Amino acid sequence: MLLHDNARPHVAKATQEKLQELNWDTVPHPPYSPDIAPSDYHLFRPLKMFLKEKRFAKYEDLKMAVFDFFDSQSAAFWKKGIDDLPERWLTVVTNDVQYIVN
């Protein structure tokens, strides 16, 4: 199963043909749902906690802190974000694409 938005490259004829050739099913993506955007539901809260109460004098310092956060996360952290997608998608669909309150 492949979840992607309706951006032009994703719905282009060549892309659709390749997905058929690979025998991949696509999952329709709601217009915008933070409940199934891994960056919103999995990444931003831990990143926010990591950056909490830090102050940056320069943009480069902030950029390096974000890179440090990314580097500090285990493979299990990233895997969980991906593995949680099908269940979250099902919850969104079951709730008629309404926002999920955690």
PDB file of N, CA and C in Angstrom:
ATOM      1  N   MET A   1       0.849  -1.174   0.000  1.00  0.00           N
ATOM      2  CA  MET A   1       0.000   0.000   0.000  1.00  0.00           C
ATOM      3  C   MET A   1       0.895   1.237   0.000  1.00  0.00           C
ATOM      4  N   LEU A   2       0.522   2.200  -0.808  1.00  0.00           N
ATOM      5  CA  LEU A   2       1.271   3.445  -0.895  1.00  0.00           C
ATOM      6  C   LEU A   2       0.336   4.601  -0.615  1.00  0.00           C
ATOM      7  N   LEU A   3       0.688   5.408   0.365  1.00  0.00           N
ATOM      8  CA  LEU A   3      -0.077   6.610   0.679  1.00  0.00           C
ATOM      9  C   LEU A   3       0.662   7.776   0.062  1.00  0.00           C
ATOM     10  N   HIS A   4      -0.004   8.484  -0.820  1.00  0.00           N
ATOM     11  CA  HIS A   4       0.588   9.700  -1.372  1.00  0.00           C
ATOM     12  C   HIS A   4      -0.511  10.703  -1.642  1.00  0.00           C
ATOM     13  N   ASP A   5      -0.112  11.965  -1.786  1.00  0.00           N
ATOM     14  CA  ASP A   5      -1.112  12.994  -2.045  1.00  0.00           C
ATOM     15  C   ASP A   5      -1.426  13.043  -3.536  1.00  0.00           C
ATOM     16  N   ASN A   6      -2.184  14.009  -3.930  1.00  0.00           N
ATOM     17  CA  ASN A   6      -2.587  14.111  -5.327  1.00  0.00           C
ATOM     18  C   ASN A   6      -1.746  15.112  -6.101  1.00  0.00           C
ATOM     19  N   ALA A   7      -0.493  15.280  -5.705  1.00  0.00           N
ATOM     20  CA  ALA A   7       0.410  16.168  -6.433  1.00  0.00           C
ATOM     21  C   ALA A   7       0.569  15.647  -7.861  1.00  0.00           C
ATOM     22  N   ARG A   8       0.784  16.532  -8.783  1.00  0.00           N
ATOM     23  CA  ARG A   8       0.858  16.152 -10.199  1.00  0.00           C
ATOM     24  C   ARG A   8       1.804  14.992 -10.494  1.00  0.00           C
ATOM     25  N   PRO A   9       3.020  15.003  -9.928  1.00  0.00           N
ATOM     26  CA  PRO A   9       3.904  13.857 -10.236  1.00  0.00           C
ATOM     27  C   PRO A   9       3.332  12.525  -9.768  1.00  0.00           C
ATOM     28  N   HIS A  10       2.524  12.551  -8.714  1.00  0.00           N
ATOM     29  CA  HIS A  10       1.978  11.310  -8.159  1.00  0.00           C
ATOM     30  C   HIS A  10       0.805  10.772  -8.965  1.00  0.00           C
ATOM     31  N   VAL A  11       0.105  11.649  -9.659  1.00  0.00           N
ATOM     32  CA  VAL A  11      -1.056  11.206 -10.434  1.00  0.00           C
ATOM     33  C   VAL A  11      -0.773  11.190 -11.935  1.00  0.00           C
ATOM     34  N   ALA A  12       0.462  11.476 -12.297  1.00  0.00           N
ATOM     35  CA  ALA A  12       0.833  11.464 -13.711  1.00  0.00           C
ATOM     36  C   ALA A  12       0.654  10.064 -14.293  1.00  0.00           C
ATOM     37  N   LYS A  13       0.389  10.023 -15.569  1.00  0.00           N
ATOM     38  CA  LYS A  13       0.134   8.748 -16.244  1.00  0.00           C
ATOM     39  C   LYS A  13       1.302   7.775 -16.059  1.00  0.00           C
ATOM     40  N   ALA A  14       2.524   8.271 -16.218  1.00  0.00           N
ATOM     41  CA  ALA A  14       3.700   7.402 -16.081  1.00  0.00           C
ATOM     42  C   ALA A  14       3.799   6.825 -14.666  1.00  0.00           C
ATOM     43  N   THR A  15       3.498   7.641 -13.669  1.00  0.00           N
ATOM     44  CA  THR A  15       3.531   7.173 -12.277  1.00  0.00           C
ATOM     45  C   THR A  15       2.466   6.119 -12.048  1.00  0.00           C
ATOM     46  N   GLN A  16       1.253   6.377 -12.532  1.00  0.00           N
ATOM     47  CA  GLN A  16       0.162   5.428 -12.375  1.00  0.00           C
ATOM     48  C   GLN A  16       0.468   4.097 -13.061  1.00  0.00           C
ATOM     49  N   GLU A  17       1.074   4.182 -14.242  1.00  0.00           N
ATOM     50  CA  GLU A  17       1.452   2.955 -14.962  1.00  0.00           C
ATOM     51  C   GLU A  17       2.494   2.165 -14.181  1.00  0.00           C
ATOM     52  N   LYS A  18       3.475   2.858 -13.595  1.00  0.00           N
ATOM     53  CA  LYS A  18       4.514   2.184 -12.818  1.00  0.00           C
ATOM     54  C   LYS A  18       3.916   1.518 -11.577  1.00  0.00           C
ATOM     55  N   LEU A  19       2.990   2.203 -10.912  1.00  0.00           N
ATOM     56  CA  LEU A  19       2.336   1.622  -9.744  1.00  0.00           C
ATOM     57  C   LEU A  19       1.560   0.361 -10.123  1.00  0.00           C
ATOM     58  N   GLN A  20       0.914   0.397 -11.295  1.00  0.00           N
ATOM     59  CA  GLN A  20       0.193  -0.797 -11.768  1.00  0.00           C
ATOM     60  C   GLN A  20       1.174  -1.923 -12.078  1.00  0.00           C
ATOM     61  N   GLU A  21       2.281  -1.567 -12.723  1.00  0.00           N
ATOM     62  CA  GLU A  21       3.303  -2.560 -13.070  1.00  0.00           C
ATOM     63  C   GLU A  21       3.848  -3.229 -11.804  1.00  0.00           C
ATOM     64  N   LEU A  22       4.036  -2.466 -10.752  1.00  0.00           N
ATOM     65  CA  LEU A  22       4.554  -2.997  -9.490  1.00  0.00           C
ATOM     66  C   LEU A  22       3.462  -3.664  -8.653  1.00  0.00           C
ATOM     67  N   ASN A  23       2.220  -3.538  -9.120  1.00  0.00           N
ATOM     68  CA  ASN A  23       1.061  -4.098  -8.435  1.00  0.00           C
ATOM     69  C   ASN A  23       0.892  -3.499  -7.034  1.00  0.00           C
ATOM     70  N   TRP A  24       1.127  -2.178  -6.945  1.00  0.00           N
ATOM     71  CA  TRP A  24       0.972  -1.465  -5.687  1.00  0.00           C
ATOM     72  C   TRP A  24      -0.416  -0.849  -5.636  1.00  0.00           C
ATOM     73  N   ASP A  25      -1.054  -0.969  -4.483  1.00  0.00           N
ATOM     74  CA  ASP A  25      -2.318  -0.293  -4.251  1.00  0.00           C
ATOM     75  C   ASP A  25      -2.020   1.062  -3.639  1.00  0.00           C
ATOM     76  N   THR A  26      -2.820   2.039  -3.995  1.00  0.00           N
ATOM     77  CA  THR A  26      -2.658   3.355  -3.385  1.00  0.00           C
ATOM     78  C   THR A  26      -3.827   3.617  -2.441  1.00  0.00           C
ATOM     79  N   VAL A  27      -3.526   4.372  -1.411  1.00  0.00           N
ATOM     80  CA  VAL A  27      -4.517   4.745  -0.419  1.00  0.00           C
ATOM     81  C   VAL A  27      -4.854   6.203  -0.671  1.00  0.00           C
ATOM     82  N   PRO A  28      -6.129   6.536  -0.826  1.00  0.00           N
ATOM     83  CA  PRO A  28      -6.469   7.943  -1.038  1.00  0.00           C
ATOM     84  C   PRO A  28      -6.111   8.784   0.174  1.00  0.00           C
ATOM     85  N   HIS A  29      -5.603   9.945  -0.069  1.00  0.00           N
ATOM     86  CA  HIS A  29      -5.138  10.839   0.979  1.00  0.00           C
ATOM     87  C   HIS A  29      -6.147  11.965   1.163  1.00  0.00           C
ATOM     88  N   PRO A  30      -6.654  12.165   2.381  1.00  0.00           N
ATOM     89  CA  PRO A  30      -7.546  13.301   2.608  1.00  0.00           C
ATOM     90  C   PRO A  30      -6.827  14.605   2.267  1.00  0.00           C
ATOM     91  N   PRO A  31      -7.545  15.683   1.978  1.00  0.00           N
ATOM     92  CA  PRO A  31      -6.909  16.943   1.584  1.00  0.00           C
ATOM     93  C   PRO A  31      -5.786  17.372   2.519  1.00  0.00           C
ATOM     94  N   TYR A  32      -6.033  17.406   3.819  1.00  0.00           N
ATOM     95  CA  TYR A  32      -4.967  17.630   4.787  1.00  0.00           C
ATOM     96  C   TYR A  32      -5.415  17.018   6.095  1.00  0.00           C
ATOM     97  N   SER A  33      -4.631  16.142   6.599  1.00  0.00           N
ATOM     98  CA  SER A  33      -4.965  15.516   7.863  1.00  0.00           C
ATOM     99  C   SER A  33      -3.697  15.358   8.685  1.00  0.00           C
ATOM    100  N   PRO A  34      -3.538  16.171   9.733  1.00  0.00           N
ATOM    101  CA  PRO A  34      -2.353  16.029  10.577  1.00  0.00           C
ATOM    102  C   PRO A  34      -2.301  14.670  11.262  1.00  0.00           C
ATOM    103  N   ASP A  35      -3.440  13.987  11.314  1.00  0.00           N
ATOM    104  CA  ASP A  35      -3.489  12.687  11.957  1.00  0.00           C
ATOM    105  C   ASP A  35      -2.716  11.622  11.196  1.00  0.00           C
ATOM    106  N   ILE A  36      -2.507  11.836   9.915  1.00  0.00           N
ATOM    107  CA  ILE A  36      -1.764  10.841   9.143  1.00  0.00           C
ATOM    108  C   ILE A  36      -0.524  11.437   8.494  1.00  0.00           C
ATOM    109  N   ALA A  37      -0.135  12.626   8.913  1.00  0.00           N
ATOM    110  CA  ALA A  37       1.121  13.221   8.461  1.00  0.00           C
ATOM    111  C   ALA A  37       2.176  12.880   9.521  1.00  0.00           C
ATOM    112  N   PRO A  38       3.101  11.962   9.204  1.00  0.00           N
ATOM    113  CA  PRO A  38       4.083  11.548  10.224  1.00  0.00           C
ATOM    114  C   PRO A  38       4.821  12.715  10.863  1.00  0.00           C
ATOM    115  N   SER A  39       5.054  13.765  10.084  1.00  0.00           N
ATOM    116  CA  SER A  39       5.743  14.917  10.665  1.00  0.00           C
ATOM    117  C   SER A  39       4.912  15.542  11.775  1.00  0.00           C
ATOM    118  N   ASP A  40       3.591  15.581  11.604  1.00  0.00           N
ATOM    119  CA  ASP A  40       2.737  16.201  12.618  1.00  0.00           C
ATOM    120  C   ASP A  40       2.514  15.299  13.818  1.00  0.00           C
ATOM    121  N   TYR A  41       2.170  14.044  13.595  1.00  0.00           N
ATOM    122  CA  TYR A  41       1.788  13.206  14.739  1.00  0.00           C
ATOM    123  C   TYR A  41       2.964  12.500  15.391  1.00  0.00           C
ATOM    124  N   HIS A  42       4.082  12.358  14.707  1.00  0.00           N
ATOM    125  CA  HIS A  42       5.178  11.572  15.274  1.00  0.00           C
ATOM    126  C   HIS A  42       6.442  12.389  15.511  1.00  0.00           C
ATOM    127  N   LEU A  43       6.704  13.342  14.667  1.00  0.00           N
ATOM    128  CA  LEU A  43       7.989  14.030  14.701  1.00  0.00           C
ATOM    129  C   LEU A  43       7.968  15.340  15.474  1.00  0.00           C
ATOM    130  N   PHE A  44       6.943  16.173  15.258  1.00  0.00           N
ATOM    131  CA  PHE A  44       6.992  17.525  15.793  1.00  0.00           C
ATOM    132  C   PHE A  44       6.931  17.593  17.314  1.00  0.00           C
ATOM    133  N   ARG A  45       6.149  16.742  17.964  1.00  0.00           N
ATOM    134  CA  ARG A  45       6.078  16.793  19.435  1.00  0.00           C
ATOM    135  C   ARG A  45       7.438  16.477  20.063  1.00  0.00           C
ATOM    136  N   PRO A  46       8.111  15.379  19.674  1.00  0.00           N
ATOM    137  CA  PRO A  46       9.443  15.139  20.256  1.00  0.00           C
ATOM    138  C   PRO A  46      10.453  16.229  19.889  1.00  0.00           C
ATOM    139  N   LEU A  47      10.369  16.750  18.665  1.00  0.00           N
ATOM    140  CA  LEU A  47      11.279  17.827  18.272  1.00  0.00           C
ATOM    141  C   LEU A  47      11.021  19.071  19.119  1.00  0.00           C
ATOM    142  N   LYS A  48       9.754  19.389  19.343  1.00  0.00           N
ATOM    143  CA  LYS A  48       9.398  20.536  20.179  1.00  0.00           C
ATOM    144  C   LYS A  48       9.965  20.367  21.586  1.00  0.00           C
ATOM    145  N   MET A  49       9.840  19.164  22.149  1.00  0.00           N
ATOM    146  CA  MET A  49      10.378  18.909  23.492  1.00  0.00           C
ATOM    147  C   MET A  49      11.906  19.026  23.503  1.00  0.00           C
ATOM    148  N   PHE A  50      12.544  18.557  22.441  1.00  0.00           N
ATOM    149  CA  PHE A  50      13.995  18.625  22.332  1.00  0.00           C
ATOM    150  C   PHE A  50      14.475  20.082  22.297  1.00  0.00           C
ATOM    151  N   LEU A  51      13.717  20.932  21.612  1.00  0.00           N
ATOM    152  CA  LEU A  51      14.124  22.333  21.450  1.00  0.00           C
ATOM    153  C   LEU A  51      13.619  23.238  22.581  1.00  0.00           C
ATOM    154  N   LYS A  52      12.779  22.683  23.454  1.00  0.00           N
ATOM    155  CA  LYS A  52      12.157  23.472  24.520  1.00  0.00           C
ATOM    156  C   LYS A  52      13.215  24.195  25.360  1.00  0.00           C
ATOM    157  N   GLU A  53      12.963  25.470  25.556  1.00  0.00           N
ATOM    158  CA  GLU A  53      13.794  26.347  26.391  1.00  0.00           C
ATOM    159  C   GLU A  53      15.203  26.572  25.849  1.00  0.00           C
ATOM    160  N   LYS A  54      15.471  26.127  24.644  1.00  0.00           N
ATOM    161  CA  LYS A  54      16.764  26.436  24.010  1.00  0.00           C
ATOM    162  C   LYS A  54      16.626  27.783  23.299  1.00  0.00           C
ATOM    163  N   ARG A  55      17.678  28.537  23.263  1.00  0.00           N
ATOM    164  CA  ARG A  55      17.698  29.824  22.565  1.00  0.00           C
ATOM    165  C   ARG A  55      18.821  29.788  21.546  1.00  0.00           C
ATOM    166  N   PHE A  56      18.577  30.397  20.405  1.00  0.00           N
ATOM    167  CA  PHE A  56      19.552  30.363  19.313  1.00  0.00           C
ATOM    168  C   PHE A  56      19.859  31.778  18.861  1.00  0.00           C
ATOM    169  N   ALA A  57      21.126  32.081  18.795  1.00  0.00           N
ATOM    170  CA  ALA A  57      21.557  33.412  18.360  1.00  0.00           C
ATOM    171  C   ALA A  57      21.560  33.510  16.837  1.00  0.00           C
ATOM    172  N   LYS A  58      21.786  32.372  16.193  1.00  0.00           N
ATOM    173  CA  LYS A  58      21.878  32.364  14.729  1.00  0.00           C
ATOM    174  C   LYS A  58      21.044  31.217  14.166  1.00  0.00           C
ATOM    175  N   TYR A  59      20.592  31.413  12.943  1.00  0.00           N
ATOM    176  CA  TYR A  59      19.840  30.377  12.240  1.00  0.00           C
ATOM    177  C   TYR A  59      20.653  29.088  12.163  1.00  0.00           C
ATOM    178  N   GLU A  60      21.941  29.198  11.928  1.00  0.00           N
ATOM    179  CA  GLU A  60      22.798  28.016  11.814  1.00  0.00           C
ATOM    180  C   GLU A  60      22.797  27.194  13.106  1.00  0.00           C
ATOM    181  N   ASP A  61      22.707  27.864  14.246  1.00  0.00           N
ATOM    182  CA  ASP A  61      22.653  27.154  15.524  1.00  0.00           C
ATOM    183  C   ASP A  61      21.367  26.333  15.631  1.00  0.00           C
ATOM    184  N   LEU A  62      20.249  26.932  15.227  1.00  0.00           N
ATOM    185  CA  LEU A  62      18.977  26.208  15.218  1.00  0.00           C
ATOM    186  C   LEU A  62      19.044  25.019  14.263  1.00  0.00           C
ATOM    187  N   LYS A  63      19.579  25.272  13.100  1.00  0.00           N
ATOM    188  CA  LYS A  63      19.705  24.207  12.089  1.00  0.00           C
ATOM    189  C   LYS A  63      20.528  23.037  12.640  1.00  0.00           C
ATOM    190  N   MET A  64      21.619  23.330  13.307  1.00  0.00           N
ATOM    191  CA  MET A  64      22.459  22.270  13.872  1.00  0.00           C
ATOM    192  C   MET A  64      21.729  21.526  14.995  1.00  0.00           C
ATOM    193  N   ALA A  65      20.935  22.233  15.784  1.00  0.00           N
ATOM    194  CA  ALA A  65      20.174  21.583  16.861  1.00  0.00           C
ATOM    195  C   ALA A  65      19.155  20.613  16.267  1.00  0.00           C
ATOM    196  N   VAL A  66      18.508  21.006  15.184  1.00  0.00           N
ATOM    197  CA  VAL A  66      17.536  20.116  14.536  1.00  0.00           C
ATOM    198  C   VAL A  66      18.259  18.893  13.974  1.00  0.00           C
ATOM    199  N   PHE A  67      19.397  19.105  13.340  1.00  0.00           N
ATOM    200  CA  PHE A  67      20.180  17.962  12.844  1.00  0.00           C
ATOM    201  C   PHE A  67      20.596  17.053  13.998  1.00  0.00           C
ATOM    202  N   ASP A  68      20.980  17.643  15.132  1.00  0.00           N
ATOM    203  CA  ASP A  68      21.347  16.840  16.308  1.00  0.00           C
ATOM    204  C   ASP A  68      20.169  15.991  16.771  1.00  0.00           C
ATOM    205  N   PHE A  69      18.957  16.590  16.757  1.00  0.00           N
ATOM    206  CA  PHE A  69      17.761  15.832  17.124  1.00  0.00           C
ATOM    207  C   PHE A  69      17.585  14.647  16.185  1.00  0.00           C
ATOM    208  N   PHE A  70      17.657  14.893  14.886  1.00  0.00           N
ATOM    209  CA  PHE A  70      17.486  13.810  13.912  1.00  0.00           C
ATOM    210  C   PHE A  70      18.512  12.704  14.152  1.00  0.00           C
ATOM    211  N   ASP A  71      19.756  13.104  14.351  1.00  0.00           N
ATOM    212  CA  ASP A  71      20.824  12.119  14.562  1.00  0.00           C
ATOM    213  C   ASP A  71      20.647  11.338  15.858  1.00  0.00           C
ATOM    214  N   SER A  72      19.995  11.933  16.851  1.00  0.00           N
ATOM    215  CA  SER A  72      19.860  11.277  18.149  1.00  0.00           C
ATOM    216  C   SER A  72      18.732  10.251  18.189  1.00  0.00           C
ATOM    217  N   GLN A  73      17.884  10.223  17.175  1.00  0.00           N
ATOM    218  CA  GLN A  73      16.753   9.297  17.171  1.00  0.00           C
ATOM    219  C   GLN A  73      17.193   7.921  16.669  1.00  0.00           C
ATOM    220  N   SER A  74      16.697   6.908  17.330  1.00  0.00           N
ATOM    221  CA  SER A  74      17.047   5.536  16.950  1.00  0.00           C
ATOM    222  C   SER A  74      16.279   5.122  15.701  1.00  0.00           C
ATOM    223  N   ALA A  75      16.727   4.050  15.097  1.00  0.00           N
ATOM    224  CA  ALA A  75      16.012   3.492  13.950  1.00  0.00           C
ATOM    225  C   ALA A  75      14.594   3.101  14.359  1.00  0.00           C
ATOM    226  N   ALA A  76      14.424   2.660  15.606  1.00  0.00           N
ATOM    227  CA  ALA A  76      13.095   2.266  16.100  1.00  0.00           C
ATOM    228  C   ALA A  76      12.134   3.457  16.117  1.00  0.00           C
ATOM    229  N   PHE A  77      12.642   4.652  16.412  1.00  0.00           N
ATOM    230  CA  PHE A  77      11.807   5.858  16.400  1.00  0.00           C
ATOM    231  C   PHE A  77      11.232   6.092  15.006  1.00  0.00           C
ATOM    232  N   TRP A  78      12.085   6.047  13.996  1.00  0.00           N
ATOM    233  CA  TRP A  78      11.642   6.290  12.612  1.00  0.00           C
ATOM    234  C   TRP A  78      10.728   5.156  12.144  1.00  0.00           C
ATOM    235  N   LYS A  79      11.053   3.923  12.517  1.00  0.00           N
ATOM    236  CA  LYS A  79      10.231   2.777  12.120  1.00  0.00           C
ATOM    237  C   LYS A  79       8.831   2.887  12.718  1.00  0.00           C
ATOM    238  N   LYS A  80       8.740   3.302  13.965  1.00  0.00           N
ATOM    239  CA  LYS A  80       7.431   3.440  14.608  1.00  0.00           C
ATOM    240  C   LYS A  80       6.567   4.452  13.869  1.00  0.00           C
ATOM    241  N   GLY A  81       7.160   5.564  13.468  1.00  0.00           N
ATOM    242  CA  GLY A  81       6.414   6.577  12.722  1.00  0.00           C
ATOM    243  C   GLY A  81       5.822   6.019  11.446  1.00  0.00           C
ATOM    244  N   ILE A  82       6.568   5.172  10.774  1.00  0.00           N
ATOM    245  CA  ILE A  82       6.092   4.548   9.532  1.00  0.00           C
ATOM    246  C   ILE A  82       5.089   3.440   9.844  1.00  0.00           C
ATOM    247  N   ASP A  83       5.402   2.615  10.824  1.00  0.00           N
ATOM    248  CA  ASP A  83       4.521   1.480  11.167  1.00  0.00           C
ATOM    249  C   ASP A  83       3.152   1.928  11.678  1.00  0.00           C
ATOM    250  N   ASP A  84       3.082   3.099  12.302  1.00  0.00           N
ATOM    251  CA  ASP A  84       1.816   3.590  12.840  1.00  0.00           C
ATOM    252  C   ASP A  84       0.873   4.122  11.759  1.00  0.00           C
ATOM    253  N   LEU A  85       1.397   4.390  10.569  1.00  0.00           N
ATOM    254  CA  LEU A  85       0.573   4.985   9.518  1.00  0.00           C
ATOM    255  C   LEU A  85      -0.695   4.190   9.181  1.00  0.00           C
ATOM    256  N   PRO A  86      -0.631   2.887   8.917  1.00  0.00           N
ATOM    257  CA  PRO A  86      -1.863   2.175   8.538  1.00  0.00           C
ATOM    258  C   PRO A  86      -2.965   2.263   9.590  1.00  0.00           C
ATOM    259  N   GLU A  87      -2.593   2.125  10.859  1.00  0.00           N
ATOM    260  CA  GLU A  87      -3.599   2.201  11.927  1.00  0.00           C
ATOM    261  C   GLU A  87      -4.184   3.607  12.024  1.00  0.00           C
ATOM    262  N   ARG A  88      -3.335   4.617  11.908  1.00  0.00           N
ATOM    263  CA  ARG A  88      -3.818   5.996  11.965  1.00  0.00           C
ATOM    264  C   ARG A  88      -4.720   6.287  10.775  1.00  0.00           C
ATOM    265  N   TRP A  89      -4.340   5.799   9.602  1.00  0.00           N
ATOM    266  CA  TRP A  89      -5.167   6.015   8.416  1.00  0.00           C
ATOM    267  C   TRP A  89      -6.536   5.374   8.614  1.00  0.00           C
ATOM    268  N   LEU A  90      -6.558   4.164   9.128  1.00  0.00           N
ATOM    269  CA  LEU A  90      -7.826   3.475   9.367  1.00  0.00           C
ATOM    270  C   LEU A  90      -8.692   4.250  10.367  1.00  0.00           C
ATOM    271  N   THR A  91      -8.069   4.790  11.412  1.00  0.00           N
ATOM    272  CA  THR A  91      -8.808   5.578  12.395  1.00  0.00           C
ATOM    273  C   THR A  91      -9.410   6.827  11.755  1.00  0.00           C
ATOM    274  N   VAL A  92      -8.630   7.497  10.892  1.00  0.00           N
ATOM    275  CA  VAL A  92      -9.135   8.683  10.200  1.00  0.00           C
ATOM    276  C   VAL A  92     -10.332   8.313   9.333  1.00  0.00           C
ATOM    277  N   VAL A  93     -10.215   7.232   8.579  1.00  0.00           N
ATOM    278  CA  VAL A  93     -11.301   6.796   7.702  1.00  0.00           C
ATOM    279  C   VAL A  93     -12.521   6.403   8.523  1.00  0.00           C
ATOM    280  N   THR A  94     -12.306   5.661   9.595  1.00  0.00           N
ATOM    281  CA  THR A  94     -13.399   5.221  10.464  1.00  0.00           C
ATOM    282  C   THR A  94     -14.130   6.411  11.074  1.00  0.00           C
ATOM    283  N   ASN A  95     -13.405   7.472  11.366  1.00  0.00           N
ATOM    284  CA  ASN A  95     -13.996   8.684  11.948  1.00  0.00           C
ATOM    285  C   ASN A  95     -14.455   9.672  10.885  1.00  0.00           C
ATOM    286  N   ASP A  96     -14.666   9.183   9.668  1.00  0.00           N
ATOM    287  CA  ASP A  96     -15.160  10.012   8.571  1.00  0.00           C
ATOM    288  C   ASP A  96     -14.271  11.229   8.338  1.00  0.00           C
ATOM    289  N   VAL A  97     -12.972  10.994   8.393  1.00  0.00           N
ATOM    290  CA  VAL A  97     -11.924  11.990   8.130  1.00  0.00           C
ATOM    291  C   VAL A  97     -12.001  13.169   9.108  1.00  0.00           C
ATOM    292  N   GLN A  98     -12.480  12.911  10.312  1.00  0.00           N
ATOM    293  CA  GLN A  98     -12.505  13.927  11.349  1.00  0.00           C
ATOM    294  C   GLN A  98     -11.172  13.886  12.109  1.00  0.00           C
ATOM    295  N   TYR A  99     -10.817  15.006  12.699  1.00  0.00           N
ATOM    296  CA  TYR A  99      -9.578  15.106  13.458  1.00  0.00           C
ATOM    297  C   TYR A  99      -9.594  14.142  14.633  1.00  0.00           C
ATOM    298  N   ILE A 100      -8.485  13.475  14.868  1.00  0.00           N
ATOM    299  CA  ILE A 100      -8.366  12.525  15.965  1.00  0.00           C
ATOM    300  C   ILE A 100      -7.815  13.271  17.185  1.00  0.00           C
ATOM    301  N   VAL A 101      -8.484  13.136  18.296  1.00  0.00           N
ATOM    302  CA  VAL A 101      -8.005  13.732  19.541  1.00  0.00           C
ATOM    303  C   VAL A 101      -7.268  12.637  20.295  1.00  0.00           C
ATOM    304  N   ASN A 102      -5.973  12.861  20.534  1.00  0.00           N
ATOM    305  CA  ASN A 102      -5.167  11.865  21.245  1.00  0.00           C
ATOM    306  C   ASN A 102      -5.280  12.048  22.727  1.00  0.00           C
TER     307      ASN A 102
END
